[in-house]
Amino acid sequence: WSPAVGRLSVPHAAKQIVCRLPDGVAQATSKWLDKYEEREVEALWRAVRKCYPSEEAAIQAVRQNANVVCPLFATPSLIQQTYRILTDVLGKEAAAEVLMLNPSVLTCGDQLRDVSEDEIMRVARARRALDSISSE
C-alpha cells in the first residue's frame, strides 16, 4: 500500500488536515475526519484494506460506508477478527461477496459466529439494497 499524501480541506474546520489516506477515503470521511486522531483512522484504513482484493475495492467499500474506518464504530482488531470469522464461516469467496455488498459487516465482531451463512448473505443483500436508495 502506498498512501496518497495530500491536504484535505474539511468544511467548517479551522485547520487543514494532512492525511495519509487515499483520496477516495479522505473524501468519504471528510465530514468527521477532523474529530479523530489521524493515526487511528489510518490504522483502520490499513485493516480494512487487508480485507479486500485491491485498494480500489477497499476504497469503494469506504465510499459505501465510511463508518468502517471511524474509530467510534471499529478498531483494527475488531475488523481483523470479523474478517477471520467471515472467512471461517463463509469461505473466502462468499466472504468477499458479503464485504462488497455490506462493508459495515466488518464492525460486527464475534457475534457473527452465531449467525448462519444464509442470514449473513441475506442481510448483506438487504443492506446493499438499502444503501442504494438515495438519501437526497
Protein backbone atom coordinates (compact mmCIF):
# COMPACT_ATOMS: atom_id res chain seq x y z
CA TRP A 1 0.00 0.00 0.00
CA SER A 2 1.43 3.35 -0.93
CA PRO A 3 -0.51 6.16 0.68
CA ALA A 4 -1.67 9.18 -1.23
CA VAL A 5 -0.48 12.10 0.84
CA GLY A 6 -2.37 15.30 0.40
CA ARG A 7 -4.28 18.06 2.04
CA LEU A 8 -7.96 17.73 2.65
CA SER A 9 -9.93 20.82 3.47
CA VAL A 10 -12.58 19.89 5.96
CA PRO A 11 -15.72 22.05 5.79
CA HIS A 12 -16.41 24.07 8.94
CA ALA A 13 -12.96 23.30 10.33
CA ALA A 14 -10.39 25.95 11.11
CA LYS A 15 -7.49 23.71 10.15
CA GLN A 16 -6.39 21.64 7.21
CA ILE A 17 -5.73 18.00 7.88
CA VAL A 18 -2.76 16.29 6.30
CA CYS A 19 -3.64 12.67 5.87
CA ARG A 20 -2.04 9.55 4.52
CA LEU A 21 -5.24 8.13 3.17
CA PRO A 22 -6.15 7.53 -0.45
CA ASP A 23 -8.13 10.46 -1.83
CA GLY A 24 -11.36 8.45 -2.02
CA VAL A 25 -11.12 7.51 1.65
CA ALA A 26 -10.26 11.07 2.70
CA GLN A 27 -13.25 12.38 0.76
CA ALA A 28 -15.63 9.76 2.17
CA THR A 29 -14.57 10.58 5.74
CA SER A 30 -14.35 14.35 5.37
CA LYS A 31 -17.48 15.02 7.48
CA TRP A 32 -15.88 13.59 10.61
CA LEU A 33 -12.17 13.09 9.91
CA ASP A 34 -11.11 16.12 11.96
CA LYS A 35 -12.78 14.70 15.08
CA TYR A 36 -10.37 11.75 15.42
CA GLU A 37 -6.66 11.14 15.61
CA GLU A 38 -5.26 10.74 12.13
CA ARG A 39 -3.29 7.66 13.15
CA GLU A 40 -6.48 5.94 14.35
CA VAL A 41 -8.22 6.41 11.01
CA GLU A 42 -5.09 5.37 9.11
CA ALA A 43 -4.82 2.19 11.20
CA LEU A 44 -8.46 1.38 10.46
CA TRP A 45 -7.89 2.02 6.76
CA ARG A 46 -4.93 -0.38 6.73
CA ALA A 47 -7.05 -3.05 8.45
CA VAL A 48 -9.93 -2.58 6.01
CA ARG A 49 -7.57 -2.60 3.02
CA LYS A 50 -6.31 -6.07 4.02
CA CYS A 51 -9.86 -7.43 3.77
CA TYR A 52 -10.29 -6.53 0.09
CA PRO A 53 -8.57 -7.89 -3.02
CA SER A 54 -7.47 -4.43 -4.19
CA GLU A 55 -7.08 -0.90 -2.94
CA GLU A 56 -9.84 0.26 -5.29
CA ALA A 57 -12.26 -2.34 -3.87
CA ALA A 58 -11.43 -1.20 -0.33
CA ILE A 59 -11.87 2.47 -1.30
CA GLN A 60 -15.27 1.63 -2.80
CA ALA A 61 -16.24 -0.09 0.44
CA VAL A 62 -15.33 3.03 2.43
CA ARG A 63 -17.28 5.18 -0.02
CA GLN A 64 -20.26 2.91 0.53
CA ASN A 65 -19.95 3.07 4.31
CA ALA A 66 -17.28 5.35 5.77
CA ASN A 67 -18.07 4.19 9.30
CA VAL A 68 -15.89 1.12 8.79
CA VAL A 69 -12.87 3.42 9.23
CA CYS A 70 -14.41 5.53 12.01
CA PRO A 71 -12.86 4.95 15.45
CA LEU A 72 -16.31 5.37 17.02
CA PHE A 73 -17.50 2.14 15.37
CA ALA A 74 -14.42 -0.02 14.88
CA THR A 75 -10.88 -0.88 15.86
CA PRO A 76 -8.28 -2.61 13.69
CA SER A 77 -8.51 -5.72 15.86
CA LEU A 78 -12.32 -5.82 15.50
CA ILE A 79 -12.01 -5.60 11.71
CA GLN A 80 -9.36 -8.35 11.65
CA GLN A 81 -11.41 -10.56 13.97
CA THR A 82 -14.55 -10.08 11.89
CA TYR A 83 -12.73 -10.84 8.66
CA ARG A 84 -11.35 -14.09 10.12
CA ILE A 85 -14.82 -15.10 11.29
CA LEU A 86 -16.36 -14.29 7.90
CA THR A 87 -13.80 -16.35 6.04
CA ASP A 88 -14.13 -19.22 8.55
CA VAL A 89 -17.92 -19.26 8.31
CA LEU A 90 -18.38 -18.44 4.62
CA GLY A 91 -15.09 -19.20 2.91
CA LYS A 92 -13.03 -16.55 1.11
CA GLU A 93 -15.20 -16.24 -1.99
CA ALA A 94 -18.52 -15.76 -0.18
CA ALA A 95 -16.85 -13.51 2.42
CA ALA A 96 -15.58 -11.30 -0.41
CA GLU A 97 -19.11 -11.06 -1.80
CA VAL A 98 -20.52 -10.10 1.60
CA LEU A 99 -17.83 -7.45 2.06
CA MET A 100 -18.67 -5.88 -1.31
CA LEU A 101 -22.39 -5.89 -0.51
CA ASN A 102 -22.11 -4.74 3.10
CA PRO A 103 -18.78 -3.30 4.27
CA SER A 104 -20.29 -2.45 7.67
CA VAL A 105 -20.28 -6.17 8.48
CA LEU A 106 -16.63 -5.60 9.44
CA THR A 107 -17.84 -3.89 12.61
CA CYS A 108 -19.81 -6.92 13.85
CA GLY A 109 -17.08 -8.96 15.51
CA ASP A 110 -17.62 -12.16 17.43
CA GLN A 111 -21.43 -12.04 17.24
CA LEU A 112 -21.17 -13.30 13.65
CA ARG A 113 -20.18 -16.75 14.92
CA ASP A 114 -23.78 -17.40 15.92
CA VAL A 115 -25.28 -16.30 12.61
CA SER A 116 -25.99 -18.70 9.75
CA GLU A 117 -24.38 -18.34 6.34
CA ASP A 118 -27.79 -17.70 4.80
CA GLU A 119 -28.61 -14.95 7.24
CA ILE A 120 -25.26 -13.21 6.71
CA MET A 121 -25.85 -13.23 2.94
CA ARG A 122 -29.49 -12.14 3.28
CA VAL A 123 -28.57 -9.18 5.49
CA ALA A 124 -25.69 -8.20 3.19
CA ARG A 125 -28.02 -8.14 0.18
CA ALA A 126 -30.67 -6.18 2.09
CA ARG A 127 -28.08 -3.68 3.29
CA ARG A 128 -26.78 -3.18 -0.25
CA ALA A 129 -30.32 -2.52 -1.46
CA LEU A 130 -30.91 -0.02 1.33
CA ASP A 131 -27.56 1.67 0.68
CA SER A 132 -28.50 2.15 -2.97
CA ILE A 133 -31.51 4.30 -2.05
CA SER A 134 -30.51 7.95 -2.33
CA SER A 135 -30.81 9.98 0.85
CA GLU A 136 -31.42 13.16 -1.14
